[in-house]
C-alpha atoms as a PDB file:
ATOM      1  CA  MET A   1       0.086   0.248  -0.234  1.00  0.00           C
ATOM      2  CA  ALA A   2       1.396   3.335  -1.048  1.00  0.00           C
ATOM      3  CA  ILE A   3       2.283   5.777   1.697  1.00  0.00           C
ATOM      4  CA  ALA A   4      -0.421   8.844   1.233  1.00  0.00           C
ATOM      5  CA  GLN A   5       1.512  12.094   0.322  1.00  0.00           C
ATOM      6  CA  VAL A   6       0.325  15.923   0.799  1.00  0.00           C
ATOM      7  CA  ARG A   7      -0.766  16.010  -2.745  1.00  0.00           C
ATOM      8  CA  ASP A   8      -3.120  12.917  -2.042  1.00  0.00           C
ATOM      9  CA  VAL A   9      -4.681  14.809   0.716  1.00  0.00           C
ATOM     10  CA  ALA A  10      -5.117  17.909  -1.139  1.00  0.00           C
ATOM     11  CA  LYS A  11      -6.821  16.009  -3.938  1.00  0.00           C
ATOM     12  CA  ARG A  12      -9.162  14.172  -1.398  1.00  0.00           C
ATOM     13  CA  ALA A  13     -10.165  17.435   0.234  1.00  0.00           C
ATOM     14  CA  GLY A  14     -10.209  19.427  -2.954  1.00  0.00           C
ATOM     15  CA  VAL A  15      -7.748  22.053  -1.806  1.00  0.00           C
ATOM     16  CA  SER A  16      -4.169  22.809  -2.914  1.00  0.00           C
ATOM     17  CA  PRO A  17      -1.087  21.223  -1.110  1.00  0.00           C
ATOM     18  CA  ALA A  18      -0.380  24.758   0.117  1.00  0.00           C
ATOM     19  CA  THR A  19      -3.939  24.758   2.120  1.00  0.00           C
ATOM     20  CA  VAL A  20      -3.144  21.237   3.395  1.00  0.00           C
ATOM     21  CA  SER A  21      -0.069  22.690   4.537  1.00  0.00           C
ATOM     22  CA  ASN A  22      -1.378  25.879   6.257  1.00  0.00           C
ATOM     23  CA  ALA A  23      -4.083  23.475   7.938  1.00  0.00           C
ATOM     24  CA  LEU A  24      -1.149  21.704   9.580  1.00  0.00           C
ATOM     25  CA  ASN A  25       1.238  24.104  10.408  1.00  0.00           C
ATOM     26  CA  HIS A  26      -0.925  27.453  10.674  1.00  0.00           C
ATOM     27  CA  PRO A  27      -4.584  26.640  11.232  1.00  0.00           C
ATOM     28  CA  GLU A  28      -5.448  30.126  11.939  1.00  0.00           C
ATOM     29  CA  LYS A  29      -4.986  30.979   8.205  1.00  0.00           C
ATOM     30  CA  VAL A  30      -7.757  28.383   7.139  1.00  0.00           C
ATOM     31  CA  SER A  31     -11.350  28.614   7.536  1.00  0.00           C
ATOM     32  CA  PRO A  32     -12.744  25.892  10.186  1.00  0.00           C
ATOM     33  CA  LEU A  33     -15.027  24.106   7.260  1.00  0.00           C
ATOM     34  CA  THR A  34     -11.647  23.864   4.928  1.00  0.00           C
ATOM     35  CA  ARG A  35      -9.768  22.616   8.303  1.00  0.00           C
ATOM     36  CA  GLU A  36     -12.525  19.985   8.860  1.00  0.00           C
ATOM     37  CA  ARG A  37     -12.390  18.915   5.074  1.00  0.00           C
ATOM     38  CA  VAL A  38      -8.535  18.464   5.559  1.00  0.00           C
ATOM     39  CA  ARG A  39      -8.757  16.551   8.709  1.00  0.00           C
ATOM     40  CA  THR A  40     -11.406  13.910   7.207  1.00  0.00           C
ATOM     41  CA  ALA A  41      -9.132  13.477   4.144  1.00  0.00           C
ATOM     42  CA  ILE A  42      -6.103  12.847   6.734  1.00  0.00           C
ATOM     43  CA  ASP A  43      -8.268  10.176   8.400  1.00  0.00           C
ATOM     44  CA  GLU A  44      -9.540   8.703   5.464  1.00  0.00           C
ATOM     45  CA  LEU A  45      -5.891   8.133   3.770  1.00  0.00           C
ATOM     46  CA  GLY A  46      -4.123   7.752   6.891  1.00  0.00           C
ATOM     47  CA  TYR A  47      -1.890  10.184   6.014  1.00  0.00           C
ATOM     48  CA  VAL A  48       1.017  10.872   8.575  1.00  0.00           C
ATOM     49  CA  ARG A  49       3.267  13.969   8.024  1.00  0.00           C
ATOM     50  CA  ASN A  50       6.900  13.820   7.591  1.00  0.00           C
ATOM     51  CA  ASP A  51       7.982  15.662  10.548  1.00  0.00           C
ATOM     52  CA  ALA A  52      11.757  15.397  10.368  1.00  0.00           C
ATOM     53  CA  ALA A  53      11.647  16.479   6.591  1.00  0.00           C
ATOM     54  CA  ARG A  54       9.706  19.677   7.865  1.00  0.00           C
ATOM     55  CA  GLN A  55      12.253  20.386  10.458  1.00  0.00           C
ATOM     56  CA  LEU A  56      14.915  19.865   8.186  1.00  0.00           C
ATOM     57  CA  ARG A  57      13.366  22.552   5.717  1.00  0.00           C
ATOM     58  CA  GLN A  58      13.194  24.706   8.767  1.00  0.00           C
ATOM     59  CA  ARG A  59      16.670  24.190   9.441  1.00  0.00           C
ATOM     60  CA  GLY A  60      16.057  23.018  13.140  1.00  0.00           C
ATOM     61  CA  ASN A  61      14.826  20.327  15.271  1.00  0.00           C
ATOM     62  CA  ARG A  62      12.861  21.305  18.406  1.00  0.00           C
ATOM     63  CA  ALA A  63      13.708  17.855  20.218  1.00  0.00           C
ATOM     64  CA  VAL A  64      16.164  17.151  22.948  1.00  0.00           C
ATOM     65  CA  GLY A  65      18.165  14.346  23.559  1.00  0.00           C
ATOM     66  CA  MET A  66      18.962  12.703  26.862  1.00  0.00           C
ATOM     67  CA  ILE A  67      21.404  10.146  27.754  1.00  0.00           C
ATOM     68  CA  LEU A  68      21.061   8.528  31.232  1.00  0.00           C
ATOM     69  CA  LEU A  69      22.952   5.705  33.145  1.00  0.00           C
ATOM     70  CA  ASP A  70      20.203   3.200  33.701  1.00  0.00           C
ATOM     71  CA  VAL A  71      16.748   4.017  32.497  1.00  0.00           C
ATOM     72  CA  GLY A  72      15.760   0.898  34.393  1.00  0.00           C
ATOM     73  CA  ASN A  73      16.377   2.667  37.510  1.00  0.00           C
ATOM     74  CA  PRO A  74      13.346   4.353  38.928  1.00  0.00           C
ATOM     75  CA  PHE A  75      15.669   7.308  40.179  1.00  0.00           C
ATOM     76  CA  PHE A  76      16.623   7.924  36.497  1.00  0.00           C
ATOM     77  CA  ALA A  77      13.165   7.323  35.337  1.00  0.00           C
ATOM     78  CA  GLY A  78      12.075  10.045  37.843  1.00  0.00           C
ATOM     79  CA  VAL A  79      14.900  12.452  36.204  1.00  0.00           C
ATOM     80  CA  ALA A  80      13.729  11.722  32.746  1.00  0.00           C
ATOM     81  CA  ARG A  81      10.066  12.540  33.791  1.00  0.00           C
ATOM     82  CA  GLY A  82      11.054  15.734  35.371  1.00  0.00           C
ATOM     83  CA  ALA A  83      12.989  16.830  32.318  1.00  0.00           C
ATOM     84  CA  GLU A  84       9.974  15.770  29.977  1.00  0.00           C
ATOM     85  CA  LEU A  85       7.706  17.864  31.967  1.00  0.00           C
ATOM     86  CA  ASP A  86       9.423  21.356  31.676  1.00  0.00           C
ATOM     87  CA  LEU A  87      10.281  20.344  28.127  1.00  0.00           C
ATOM     88  CA  ALA A  88       6.600  19.493  27.147  1.00  0.00           C
ATOM     89  CA  GLU A  89       5.607  22.902  28.527  1.00  0.00           C
ATOM     90  CA  ASN A  90       7.937  24.669  25.972  1.00  0.00           C
ATOM     91  CA  ASN A  91       6.820  22.361  22.858  1.00  0.00           C
ATOM     92  CA  ARG A  92      10.083  20.312  22.985  1.00  0.00           C
ATOM     93  CA  PRO A  93       9.765  16.421  22.743  1.00  0.00           C
ATOM     94  CA  LEU A  94      12.289  14.461  24.727  1.00  0.00           C
ATOM     95  CA  LEU A  95      14.194  11.425  22.886  1.00  0.00           C
ATOM     96  CA  LEU A  96      15.746   8.920  25.716  1.00  0.00           C
ATOM     97  CA  GLY A  97      18.765   6.864  25.252  1.00  0.00           C
ATOM     98  CA  ASN A  98      19.958   4.602  27.740  1.00  0.00           C
ATOM     99  CA  SER A  99      23.979   3.965  27.993  1.00  0.00           C
ATOM    100  CA  ALA A 100      23.729   0.899  30.344  1.00  0.00           C
ATOM    101  CA  GLN A 101      26.698   2.405  32.042  1.00  0.00           C
ATOM    102  CA  GLN A 102      28.634   1.546  29.092  1.00  0.00           C
ATOM    103  CA  GLU A 103      30.682   4.246  27.181  1.00  0.00           C
ATOM    104  CA  PRO A 104      30.566   2.591  23.447  1.00  0.00           C
ATOM    105  CA  GLN A 105      26.679   2.940  24.077  1.00  0.00           C
ATOM    106  CA  GLU A 106      26.802   6.501  25.207  1.00  0.00           C
ATOM    107  CA  LEU A 107      28.797   7.574  22.115  1.00  0.00           C
ATOM    108  CA  LYS A 108      26.684   5.739  19.974  1.00  0.00           C
ATOM    109  CA  TYR A 109      23.515   8.007  21.344  1.00  0.00           C
ATOM    110  CA  LEU A 110      25.560  11.164  21.350  1.00  0.00           C
ATOM    111  CA  SER A 111      26.323  10.333  17.507  1.00  0.00           C
ATOM    112  CA  LEU A 112      22.651   9.462  16.630  1.00  0.00           C
ATOM    113  CA  PHE A 113      21.491  12.799  18.468  1.00  0.00           C
ATOM    114  CA  GLU A 114      23.818  14.653  16.358  1.00  0.00           C
ATOM    115  CA  GLU A 115      22.721  13.161  13.224  1.00  0.00           C
ATOM    116  CA  GLN A 116      18.924  14.121  14.257  1.00  0.00           C
ATOM    117  CA  ARG A 117      19.963  17.673  14.676  1.00  0.00           C
ATOM    118  CA  VAL A 118      18.568  17.904  18.311  1.00  0.00           C
ATOM    119  CA  ALA A 119      18.471  21.198  19.642  1.00  0.00           C
ATOM    120  CA  GLY A 120      20.027  20.056  22.851  1.00  0.00           C
ATOM    121  CA  ILE A 121      21.340  17.150  24.883  1.00  0.00           C
ATOM    122  CA  LEU A 122      21.028  16.222  28.720  1.00  0.00           C
ATOM    123  CA  VAL A 123      23.581  13.373  29.705  1.00  0.00           C
ATOM    124  CA  THR A 124      24.775  11.706  32.613  1.00  0.00           C
ATOM    125  CA  PRO A 125      28.451  10.781  31.430  1.00  0.00           C
ATOM    126  CA  VAL A 126      29.907   7.355  31.908  1.00  0.00           C
ATOM    127  CA  GLY A 127      33.273   7.811  30.047  1.00  0.00           C
ATOM    128  CA  ASN A 128      35.258  10.317  29.352  1.00  0.00           C
ATOM    129  CA  ILE A 129      33.633  12.222  26.508  1.00  0.00           C
ATOM    130  CA  LEU A 130      34.315  15.871  27.451  1.00  0.00           C
ATOM    131  CA  SER A 131      36.082  16.460  23.936  1.00  0.00           C
ATOM    132  CA  LYS A 132      32.866  15.261  22.075  1.00  0.00           C
ATOM    133  CA  LEU A 133      30.642  17.134  24.131  1.00  0.00           C
ATOM    134  CA  ARG A 134      32.836  20.198  23.429  1.00  0.00           C
ATOM    135  CA  ARG A 135      32.655  19.666  19.711  1.00  0.00           C
ATOM    136  CA  ILE A 136      28.915  19.207  20.040  1.00  0.00           C
ATOM    137  CA  LYS A 137      28.616  22.450  21.635  1.00  0.00           C
ATOM    138  CA  GLN A 138      30.855  24.037  19.278  1.00  0.00           C
ATOM    139  CA  ARG A 139      28.261  23.226  16.548  1.00  0.00           C
ATOM    140  CA  GLY A 140      25.574  25.039  18.457  1.00  0.00           C
ATOM    141  CA  THR A 141      24.172  22.287  20.236  1.00  0.00           C
ATOM    142  CA  ALA A 142      23.185  22.976  24.136  1.00  0.00           C
ATOM    143  CA  VAL A 143      24.544  20.503  26.556  1.00  0.00           C
ATOM    144  CA  VAL A 144      23.710  20.106  30.194  1.00  0.00           C
ATOM    145  CA  ILE A 145      25.289  17.614  32.539  1.00  0.00           C
ATOM    146  CA  VAL A 146      22.897  15.654  34.857  1.00  0.00           C
ATOM    147  CA  ASP A 147      23.393  13.883  38.182  1.00  0.00           C
ATOM    148  CA  ARG A 148      27.098  14.896  38.073  1.00  0.00           C
ATOM    149  CA  LYS A 149      28.840  18.410  38.475  1.00  0.00           C
ATOM    150  CA  ALA A 150      30.461  19.055  35.221  1.00  0.00           C
ATOM    151  CA  GLY A 151      34.197  18.938  35.240  1.00  0.00           C
ATOM    152  CA  ALA A 152      34.371  21.989  32.510  1.00  0.00           C
ATOM    153  CA  LYS A 153      33.745  25.399  32.993  1.00  0.00           C
ATOM    154  CA  GLU A 154      31.809  25.672  29.637  1.00  0.00           C
ATOM    155  CA  PHE A 155      29.171  23.322  30.706  1.00  0.00           C
ATOM    156  CA  SER A 156      26.033  23.941  33.066  1.00  0.00           C
ATOM    157  CA  SER A 157      25.141  21.090  35.231  1.00  0.00           C
ATOM    158  CA  VAL A 158      22.565  19.419  37.809  1.00  0.00           C
ATOM    159  CA  SER A 159      24.032  17.282  40.582  1.00  0.00           C
ATOM    160  CA  ALA A 160      23.565  16.138  43.994  1.00  0.00           C
ATOM    161  CA  ASN A 161      26.051  16.463  46.908  1.00  0.00           C
ATOM    162  CA  ASP A 162      27.046  12.398  46.891  1.00  0.00           C
ATOM    163  CA  HIS A 163      29.883  13.070  49.243  1.00  0.00           C
ATOM    164  CA  HIS A 164      27.318  14.564  51.479  1.00  0.00           C
ATOM    165  CA  GLY A 165      24.981  11.655  51.031  1.00  0.00           C
ATOM    166  CA  GLY A 166      27.667   8.865  51.510  1.00  0.00           C
ATOM    167  CA  ARG A 167      28.680  10.814  54.682  1.00  0.00           C
ATOM    168  CA  ALA A 168      25.149  10.891  55.924  1.00  0.00           C
ATOM    169  CA  ALA A 169      24.527   7.099  55.252  1.00  0.00           C
ATOM    170  CA  ALA A 170      27.913   6.088  57.250  1.00  0.00           C
ATOM    171  CA  GLU A 171      26.971   8.583  60.013  1.00  0.00           C
ATOM    172  CA  HIS A 172      23.762   7.201  60.385  1.00  0.00           C
ATOM    173  CA  LEU A 173      25.160   3.435  60.737  1.00  0.00           C
ATOM    174  CA  VAL A 174      28.117   4.520  63.343  1.00  0.00           C
ATOM    175  CA  SER A 175      25.371   6.433  65.317  1.00  0.00           C
ATOM    176  CA  LEU A 176      23.589   3.049  65.627  1.00  0.00           C
ATOM    177  CA  GLY A 177      26.769   1.461  67.070  1.00  0.00           C
ATOM    178  CA  ARG A 178      27.814  -0.291  63.836  1.00  0.00           C
ATOM    179  CA  ARG A 179      31.686  -0.605  63.383  1.00  0.00           C
ATOM    180  CA  HIS A 180      32.297  -2.594  59.979  1.00  0.00           C
ATOM    181  CA  ILE A 181      30.644  -0.998  57.084  1.00  0.00           C
ATOM    182  CA  ALA A 182      30.585  -2.511  53.563  1.00  0.00           C
ATOM    183  CA  VAL A 183      30.131   0.075  50.970  1.00  0.00           C
ATOM    184  CA  VAL A 184      28.536  -2.189  48.091  1.00  0.00           C
ATOM    185  CA  GLY A 185      28.291  -0.900  44.114  1.00  0.00           C
ATOM    186  CA  GLY A 186      30.012  -0.124  41.545  1.00  0.00           C
ATOM    187  CA  PRO A 187      32.324   0.389  39.508  1.00  0.00           C
ATOM    188  CA  ALA A 188      34.065   3.094  41.201  1.00  0.00           C
ATOM    189  CA  SER A 189      34.829   4.792  37.896  1.00  0.00           C
ATOM    190  CA  ILE A 190      31.320   6.020  38.095  1.00  0.00           C
ATOM    191  CA  ARG A 191      31.904   9.486  39.681  1.00  0.00           C
ATOM    192  CA  GLN A 192      28.656   9.135  41.897  1.00  0.00           C
ATOM    193  CA  VAL A 193      29.930   6.002  43.432  1.00  0.00           C
ATOM    194  CA  ALA A 194      33.262   7.064  43.866  1.00  0.00           C
ATOM    195  CA  ASP A 195      31.722  10.415  45.500  1.00  0.00           C
ATOM    196  CA  ARG A 196      29.472   8.276  47.861  1.00  0.00           C
ATOM    197  CA  LEU A 197      32.211   5.986  49.081  1.00  0.00           C
ATOM    198  CA  ALA A 198      34.756   9.023  49.783  1.00  0.00           C
ATOM    199  CA  GLY A 199      31.834  10.543  51.904  1.00  0.00           C
ATOM    200  CA  ALA A 200      31.524   6.890  53.877  1.00  0.00           C
ATOM    201  CA  ARG A 201      35.362   7.130  54.482  1.00  0.00           C
ATOM    202  CA  SER A 202      35.338  10.473  55.757  1.00  0.00           C
ATOM    203  CA  ILE A 203      33.270   9.128  58.759  1.00  0.00           C
ATOM    204  CA  ARG A 204      36.133   6.267  59.273  1.00  0.00           C
ATOM    205  CA  ASP A 205      38.789   8.690  59.544  1.00  0.00           C
ATOM    206  CA  GLU A 206      37.165  10.594  62.376  1.00  0.00           C
ATOM    207  CA  ARG A 207      35.950   7.748  64.353  1.00  0.00           C
ATOM    208  CA  ASP A 208      38.272   5.097  66.086  1.00  0.00           C
ATOM    209  CA  GLY A 209      37.480   1.511  65.453  1.00  0.00           C
ATOM    210  CA  VAL A 210      35.304   2.036  62.442  1.00  0.00           C
ATOM    211  CA  THR A 211      36.354   0.396  59.029  1.00  0.00           C
ATOM    212  CA  VAL A 212      34.845   0.969  55.559  1.00  0.00           C
ATOM    213  CA  GLU A 213      35.767  -1.615  52.921  1.00  0.00           C
ATOM    214  CA  TYR A 214      34.694  -1.132  49.121  1.00  0.00           C
ATOM    215  CA  VAL A 215      32.910  -4.254  47.637  1.00  0.00           C
ATOM    216  CA  GLY A 216      33.035  -3.341  44.003  1.00  0.00           C
ATOM    217  CA  THR A 217      30.406  -4.585  41.636  1.00  0.00           C
ATOM    218  CA  GLY A 218      29.977  -4.538  37.847  1.00  0.00           C
ATOM    219  CA  GLY A 219      26.580  -3.105  37.700  1.00  0.00           C
ATOM    220  CA  MET A 220      24.128  -1.180  39.604  1.00  0.00           C
ATOM    221  CA  ASP A 221      21.351  -3.547  39.865  1.00  0.00           C
ATOM    222  CA  ALA A 222      19.816  -5.946  42.207  1.00  0.00           C
ATOM    223  CA  GLU A 223      22.101  -8.907  40.738  1.00  0.00           C
ATOM    224  CA  ALA A 224      24.932  -6.896  41.381  1.00  0.00           C
ATOM    225  CA  GLY A 225      23.832  -6.569  45.130  1.00  0.00           C
ATOM    226  CA  ARG A 226      22.826 -10.440  45.522  1.00  0.00           C
ATOM    227  CA  VAL A 227      26.460 -11.180  44.343  1.00  0.00           C
ATOM    228  CA  ALA A 228      28.194  -8.995  46.500  1.00  0.00           C
ATOM    229  CA  ALA A 229      25.943 -10.090  49.402  1.00  0.00           C
ATOM    230  CA  ARG A 230      26.994 -14.015  48.921  1.00  0.00           C
ATOM    231  CA  GLU A 231      30.534 -12.825  48.847  1.00  0.00           C
ATOM    232  CA  PHE A 232      30.808 -11.527  52.308  1.00  0.00           C
ATOM    233  CA  LEU A 233      28.270 -14.124  53.466  1.00  0.00           C
ATOM    234  CA  ALA A 234      30.341 -16.801  52.706  1.00  0.00           C
ATOM    235  CA  ARG A 235      33.241 -15.226  55.032  1.00  0.00           C
ATOM    236  CA  PRO A 236      33.381 -16.507  58.735  1.00  0.00           C
ATOM    237  CA  PRO A 237      30.835 -14.345  60.713  1.00  0.00           C
ATOM    238  CA  GLU A 238      33.476 -12.563  62.513  1.00  0.00           C
ATOM    239  CA  SER A 239      35.084 -11.150  59.316  1.00  0.00           C
ATOM    240  CA  ARG A 240      31.513 -10.105  57.975  1.00  0.00           C
ATOM    241  CA  PRO A 241      30.457  -6.536  57.952  1.00  0.00           C
ATOM    242  CA  ASP A 242      27.779  -5.445  60.622  1.00  0.00           C
ATOM    243  CA  ALA A 243      26.592  -2.828  58.176  1.00  0.00           C
ATOM    244  CA  VAL A 244      26.020  -2.400  54.595  1.00  0.00           C
ATOM    245  CA  PHE A 245      25.697   0.821  52.546  1.00  0.00           C
ATOM    246  CA  ALA A 246      24.815   0.077  49.073  1.00  0.00           C
ATOM    247  CA  ALA A 247      25.477   2.782  46.116  1.00  0.00           C
ATOM    248  CA  ASN A 248      21.928   2.410  45.047  1.00  0.00           C
ATOM    249  CA  ASP A 249      18.473   1.251  46.142  1.00  0.00           C
ATOM    250  CA  LEU A 250      18.599  -1.575  43.704  1.00  0.00           C
ATOM    251  CA  VAL A 251      22.044  -2.903  44.937  1.00  0.00           C
ATOM    252  CA  ALA A 252      20.411  -2.718  48.380  1.00  0.00           C
ATOM    253  CA  LEU A 253      17.320  -4.748  47.203  1.00  0.00           C
ATOM    254  CA  GLY A 254      19.524  -7.326  46.005  1.00  0.00           C
ATOM    255  CA  VAL A 255      21.525  -7.558  49.042  1.00  0.00           C
ATOM    256  CA  LEU A 256      18.492  -7.749  51.365  1.00  0.00           C
ATOM    257  CA  GLN A 257      17.276 -10.587  49.225  1.00  0.00           C
ATOM    258  CA  GLU A 258      20.394 -12.487  49.656  1.00  0.00           C
ATOM    259  CA  LEU A 259      20.424 -11.659  53.565  1.00  0.00           C
ATOM    260  CA  VAL A 260      16.762 -13.145  54.108  1.00  0.00           C
ATOM    261  CA  ARG A 261      17.617 -16.379  51.966  1.00  0.00           C
ATOM    262  CA  ALA A 262      20.559 -16.881  54.360  1.00  0.00           C
ATOM    263  CA  GLY A 263      18.222 -16.626  57.392  1.00  0.00           C
ATOM    264  CA  MET A 264      19.979 -13.261  58.598  1.00  0.00           C
ATOM    265  CA  ALA A 265      17.959 -10.904  60.626  1.00  0.00           C
ATOM    266  CA  VAL A 266      17.871  -7.199  59.385  1.00  0.00           C
ATOM    267  CA  PRO A 267      19.019  -4.981  61.019  1.00  0.00           C
ATOM    268  CA  GLU A 268      19.832  -7.229  64.183  1.00  0.00           C
ATOM    269  CA  ASP A 269      22.701  -9.349  62.045  1.00  0.00           C
ATOM    270  CA  MET A 270      23.389  -6.946  59.584  1.00  0.00           C
ATOM    271  CA  ALA A 271      22.094  -3.230  58.816  1.00  0.00           C
ATOM    272  CA  LEU A 272      21.535  -2.121  55.478  1.00  0.00           C
ATOM    273  CA  ILE A 273      21.068   1.527  53.693  1.00  0.00           C
ATOM    274  CA  GLY A 274      20.643   2.333  50.287  1.00  0.00           C
ATOM    275  CA  TYR A 275      20.636   5.274  48.168  1.00  0.00           C
ATOM    276  CA  ASP A 276      18.076   7.332  45.835  1.00  0.00           C
ATOM    277  CA  ASP A 277      14.874   6.559  47.954  1.00  0.00           C
ATOM    278  CA  ILE A 278      12.776   4.954  45.198  1.00  0.00           C
ATOM    279  CA  GLU A 279       9.625   3.744  45.816  1.00  0.00           C
ATOM    280  CA  PHE A 280      10.556  -0.249  45.991  1.00  0.00           C
ATOM    281  CA  ALA A 281      12.907   0.748  49.011  1.00  0.00           C
ATOM    282  CA  GLY A 282      10.102   1.668  51.229  1.00  0.00           C
ATOM    283  CA  SER A 283       7.762  -1.099  50.015  1.00  0.00           C
ATOM    284  CA  ALA A 284      10.413  -3.867  50.755  1.00  0.00           C
ATOM    285  CA  THR A 285       9.954  -6.729  53.054  1.00  0.00           C
ATOM    286  CA  VAL A 286      12.189  -5.108  55.351  1.00  0.00           C
ATOM    287  CA  PRO A 287      11.893  -1.370  54.513  1.00  0.00           C
ATOM    288  CA  ILE A 288      14.974  -0.092  53.629  1.00  0.00           C
ATOM    289  CA  SER A 289      16.727   3.098  54.890  1.00  0.00           C
ATOM    290  CA  SER A 290      18.013   5.348  52.049  1.00  0.00           C
ATOM    291  CA  ILE A 291      19.274   8.623  51.091  1.00  0.00           C
ATOM    292  CA  SER A 292      16.832  10.374  49.148  1.00  0.00           C
ATOM    293  CA  GLN A 293      17.601  12.714  45.921  1.00  0.00           C
ATOM    294  CA  PRO A 294      14.767  15.011  44.526  1.00  0.00           C
ATOM    295  CA  ALA A 295      14.951  13.028  41.065  1.00  0.00           C
ATOM    296  CA  GLU A 296      11.984  14.716  39.440  1.00  0.00           C
ATOM    297  CA  GLU A 297      13.206  18.475  40.599  1.00  0.00           C
ATOM    298  CA  MET A 298      16.922  17.704  39.120  1.00  0.00           C
ATOM    299  CA  GLY A 299      15.341  16.541  35.851  1.00  0.00           C
ATOM    300  CA  ARG A 300      13.298  20.111  35.651  1.00  0.00           C
ATOM    301  CA  SER A 301      16.447  21.941  36.824  1.00  0.00           C
ATOM    302  CA  ALA A 302      18.201  20.360  33.861  1.00  0.00           C
ATOM    303  CA  ALA A 303      15.726  21.101  31.403  1.00  0.00           C
ATOM    304  CA  ARG A 304      15.338  24.725  32.627  1.00  0.00           C
ATOM    305  CA  LEU A 305      19.035  25.339  32.239  1.00  0.00           C
ATOM    306  CA  LEU A 306      18.944  24.002  28.814  1.00  0.00           C
ATOM    307  CA  LEU A 307      16.097  25.961  27.917  1.00  0.00           C
ATOM    308  CA  SER A 308      18.014  29.034  29.078  1.00  0.00           C
ATOM    309  CA  ALA A 309      20.991  28.198  27.177  1.00  0.00           C
ATOM    310  CA  LEU A 310      18.676  27.650  23.941  1.00  0.00           C
ATOM    311  CA  GLU A 311      17.262  31.271  24.085  1.00  0.00           C
ATOM    312  CA  ARG A 312      20.236  32.868  25.121  1.00  0.00           C
ATOM    313  CA  PRO A 313      23.735  30.845  23.752  1.00  0.00           C
ATOM    314  CA  ASP A 314      25.705  33.289  25.973  1.00  0.00           C
ATOM    315  CA  ALA A 315      23.570  32.607  29.252  1.00  0.00           C
ATOM    316  CA  PRO A 316      25.761  32.340  32.593  1.00  0.00           C
ATOM    317  CA  VAL A 317      26.906  28.660  33.413  1.00  0.00           C
ATOM    318  CA  GLN A 318      25.441  27.262  36.413  1.00  0.00           C
ATOM    319  CA  HIS A 319      25.783  24.467  38.819  1.00  0.00           C
ATOM    320  CA  PRO A 320      22.900  23.767  41.208  1.00  0.00           C
ATOM    321  CA  VAL A 321      23.686  21.169  43.816  1.00  0.00           C
ATOM    322  CA  PHE A 322      21.008  19.511  45.567  1.00  0.00           C
ATOM    323  CA  THR A 323      21.493  18.121  49.119  1.00  0.00           C
ATOM    324  CA  PRO A 324      20.410  14.412  49.822  1.00  0.00           C
ATOM    325  CA  GLU A 325      18.399  13.539  53.039  1.00  0.00           C
ATOM    326  CA  LEU A 326      18.474  10.568  55.104  1.00  0.00           C
ATOM    327  CA  VAL A 327      15.198   8.639  55.212  1.00  0.00           C
ATOM    328  CA  ALA A 328      15.637   6.020  58.265  1.00  0.00           C
ATOM    329  CA  ARG A 329      13.307   2.728  58.117  1.00  0.00           C
ATOM    330  CA  GLN A 330      13.162  -0.484  59.473  1.00  0.00           C
ATOM    331  CA  SER A 331      16.531  -2.141  57.879  1.00  0.00           C
ATOM    332  CA  THR A 332      18.754   0.376  60.129  1.00  0.00           C
ATOM    333  CA  LEU A 333      16.324   1.012  63.111  1.00  0.00           C
ATOM    334  CA  GLY A 334      14.393  -2.035  63.624  1.00  0.00           C
ATOM    335  CA  LEU A 335      10.888  -2.601  64.391  1.00  0.00           C
ATOM    336  CA  SER A 336      10.858  -0.889  67.519  1.00  0.00           C
ATOM    337  CA  ASP A 337      12.139   2.547  66.407  1.00  0.00           C
ATOM    338  CA  SER A 338      10.635   2.471  63.044  1.00  0.00           C
ATOM    339  CA  ALA A 339       8.131   5.105  62.098  1.00  0.00           C
END
């Protein structure tokens, strides 16, 4: 079946192709009766306009590309939702890419968005892509770094203070009498993980008798947490941690599953705290304490910075930083002290 074209719609509606174009793009220039005839012809023929071709003719694309570490993580889904809301209010569609924490995949999406001539790019970097981002910006595409403070002065960024978050998690555990903390998650090449680990270690450096070990993982999902938990549960009891700080809540959920499977009591045998405060954390079999980040607001903030750069290419670079907050639940407090 042949694909309907503008000229086919015009013929069916009994108008010129220019009138069809006006009905679609400048309806105020066409009478209501003519608009209705064009809409009827479109419905009958199943016509779908080629928006990409129209944008090329207008030498512009209103879409914004977004590349996130893991779209399967509810935290990043929240960031994307926030960005989408603000962009939609400005008639800018969001195209979403998942790097899956892999630099080749990240570079693939950057190239794809360049080819699509998107107006701007929001990205949570995995690899060292600074030179690539600079070239993209030099070609006129706005760029904003998300969930990580930009390491270059020419890019605006939106981030959370992950060092503060890591410190808050460790401080909470130590205040409850825990002395041997395992920080689980990774790889540590991800800046957010490194900052959370550094924050936890800052408490160790200030408190006598507190140890913080790093149990690196190849990913940031529940399976990574299960694998890590099996590793330290295989140790003799005296060499196990008495608390786990998971680099995100998905990892924490995996750790919890293994602890429950092994018959460990949480938090009596081992306390557990995660990061991001996704919905699943509070609804787990043992509700998980977590460090909360305002995912949706971070996404909105990133979108606003990008929109500002699109309106004014010379707009000043900004770096808003959000402060994470502790949400304490049963996995660290136990039943008697939980809300």
